[in-house]
Amino acid sequence: MLWLAGIAVYLAGAPFVPEPHLVEKWRMLLDGTLGKPIDVFDFFLHTTPLVVLFIRLWREAQRRRQAKD
């Protein structure tokens, strides 16, 4: 799972200068300017590894909780 965390952090921040790409896309989403198809695709491309990581962590927590019972 460490490799997934590395990929998620890298894609969330890349490119790191001048502003992380995911921050830019979230700002565009909140401002209502995320309208071009390439921007929407880019938003999902950079967000997907974080969502997958969250799901994996949540499922692991559920398994550990069930193992205790």
C-alpha atoms as a PDB file:
ATOM      1  CA  MET A   1       0.000   0.000   0.000  1.00  0.00           C
ATOM      2  CA  LEU A   2       3.029   2.246   0.375  1.00  0.00           C
ATOM      3  CA  TRP A   3       3.422   2.400  -3.402  1.00  0.00           C
ATOM      4  CA  LEU A   4      -0.200   3.557  -3.729  1.00  0.00           C
ATOM      5  CA  ALA A   5       0.383   6.323  -1.198  1.00  0.00           C
ATOM      6  CA  GLY A   6       3.458   7.441  -3.127  1.00  0.00           C
ATOM      7  CA  ILE A   7       1.577   7.532  -6.421  1.00  0.00           C
ATOM      8  CA  ALA A   8      -1.359   9.367  -4.832  1.00  0.00           C
ATOM      9  CA  VAL A   9       0.838  12.042  -3.287  1.00  0.00           C
ATOM     10  CA  TYR A  10       2.880  12.445  -6.457  1.00  0.00           C
ATOM     11  CA  LEU A  11      -0.130  12.805  -8.757  1.00  0.00           C
ATOM     12  CA  ALA A  12      -1.920  15.110  -6.326  1.00  0.00           C
ATOM     13  CA  GLY A  13       1.025  17.497  -6.313  1.00  0.00           C
ATOM     14  CA  ALA A  14       2.514  17.176  -9.783  1.00  0.00           C
ATOM     15  CA  PRO A  15       3.601  19.581 -11.164  1.00  0.00           C
ATOM     16  CA  PHE A  16       4.777  21.028  -7.878  1.00  0.00           C
ATOM     17  CA  VAL A  17       5.832  24.460  -9.147  1.00  0.00           C
ATOM     18  CA  PRO A  18       4.292  27.073  -9.280  1.00  0.00           C
ATOM     19  CA  GLU A  19       1.137  25.493  -7.807  1.00  0.00           C
ATOM     20  CA  PRO A  20       0.126  21.856  -7.332  1.00  0.00           C
ATOM     21  CA  HIS A  21      -2.123  20.791 -10.174  1.00  0.00           C
ATOM     22  CA  LEU A  22      -4.822  19.385  -7.926  1.00  0.00           C
ATOM     23  CA  VAL A  23      -5.013  22.659  -5.990  1.00  0.00           C
ATOM     24  CA  GLU A  24      -5.458  24.509  -9.277  1.00  0.00           C
ATOM     25  CA  LYS A  25      -8.204  22.131 -10.429  1.00  0.00           C
ATOM     26  CA  TRP A  26     -10.056  22.326  -7.089  1.00  0.00           C
ATOM     27  CA  ARG A  27      -9.898  26.126  -7.279  1.00  0.00           C
ATOM     28  CA  MET A  28     -11.300  25.991 -10.805  1.00  0.00           C
ATOM     29  CA  LEU A  29     -14.076  23.637  -9.637  1.00  0.00           C
ATOM     30  CA  LEU A  30     -15.040  25.917  -6.752  1.00  0.00           C
ATOM     31  CA  ASP A  31     -14.947  29.016  -8.992  1.00  0.00           C
ATOM     32  CA  GLY A  32     -17.103  27.292 -11.600  1.00  0.00           C
ATOM     33  CA  THR A  33     -14.472  27.545 -14.332  1.00  0.00           C
ATOM     34  CA  LEU A  34     -13.740  23.819 -14.632  1.00  0.00           C
ATOM     35  CA  GLY A  35     -15.537  23.423 -17.936  1.00  0.00           C
ATOM     36  CA  LYS A  36     -13.112  22.303 -20.621  1.00  0.00           C
ATOM     37  CA  PRO A  37     -13.109  18.525 -21.164  1.00  0.00           C
ATOM     38  CA  ILE A  38      -9.320  18.388 -20.758  1.00  0.00           C
ATOM     39  CA  ASP A  39      -9.580  20.138 -17.376  1.00  0.00           C
ATOM     40  CA  VAL A  40     -12.286  17.738 -16.170  1.00  0.00           C
ATOM     41  CA  PHE A  41     -10.203  14.752 -17.319  1.00  0.00           C
ATOM     42  CA  ASP A  42      -7.127  16.221 -15.632  1.00  0.00           C
ATOM     43  CA  PHE A  43      -9.080  16.739 -12.400  1.00  0.00           C
ATOM     44  CA  PHE A  44     -10.162  13.088 -12.358  1.00  0.00           C
ATOM     45  CA  LEU A  45      -6.689  11.902 -13.350  1.00  0.00           C
ATOM     46  CA  HIS A  46      -5.093  13.669 -10.401  1.00  0.00           C
ATOM     47  CA  THR A  47      -7.901  12.809  -7.930  1.00  0.00           C
ATOM     48  CA  THR A  48      -8.363   9.089  -8.683  1.00  0.00           C
ATOM     49  CA  PRO A  49      -5.275   7.778  -6.814  1.00  0.00           C
ATOM     50  CA  LEU A  50      -6.341   9.676  -3.679  1.00  0.00           C
ATOM     51  CA  VAL A  51      -9.831   8.170  -3.880  1.00  0.00           C
ATOM     52  CA  VAL A  52      -8.400   4.670  -4.378  1.00  0.00           C
ATOM     53  CA  LEU A  53      -6.052   5.190  -1.417  1.00  0.00           C
ATOM     54  CA  PHE A  54      -8.956   6.340   0.774  1.00  0.00           C
ATOM     55  CA  ILE A  55     -11.027   3.291  -0.212  1.00  0.00           C
ATOM     56  CA  ARG A  56      -8.119   0.923   0.495  1.00  0.00           C
ATOM     57  CA  LEU A  57      -7.504   2.501   3.925  1.00  0.00           C
ATOM     58  CA  TRP A  58     -11.204   2.375   4.782  1.00  0.00           C
ATOM     59  CA  ARG A  59     -11.495  -1.287   3.753  1.00  0.00           C
ATOM     60  CA  GLU A  60      -8.379  -2.176   5.749  1.00  0.00           C
ATOM     61  CA  ALA A  61      -9.845  -0.459   8.814  1.00  0.00           C
ATOM     62  CA  GLN A  62     -13.095  -2.396   8.339  1.00  0.00           C
ATOM     63  CA  ARG A  63     -11.199  -5.704   8.113  1.00  0.00           C
ATOM     64  CA  ARG A  64      -9.228  -4.959  11.263  1.00  0.00           C
ATOM     65  CA  ARG A  65     -12.388  -3.990  13.128  1.00  0.00           C
ATOM     66  CA  GLN A  66     -14.089  -7.237  12.076  1.00  0.00           C
ATOM     67  CA  ALA A  67     -11.032  -9.262  13.094  1.00  0.00           C
ATOM     68  CA  LYS A  68     -11.255  -7.844  16.624  1.00  0.00           C
ATOM     69  CA  ASP A  69     -14.894  -8.937  16.994  1.00  0.00           C
END
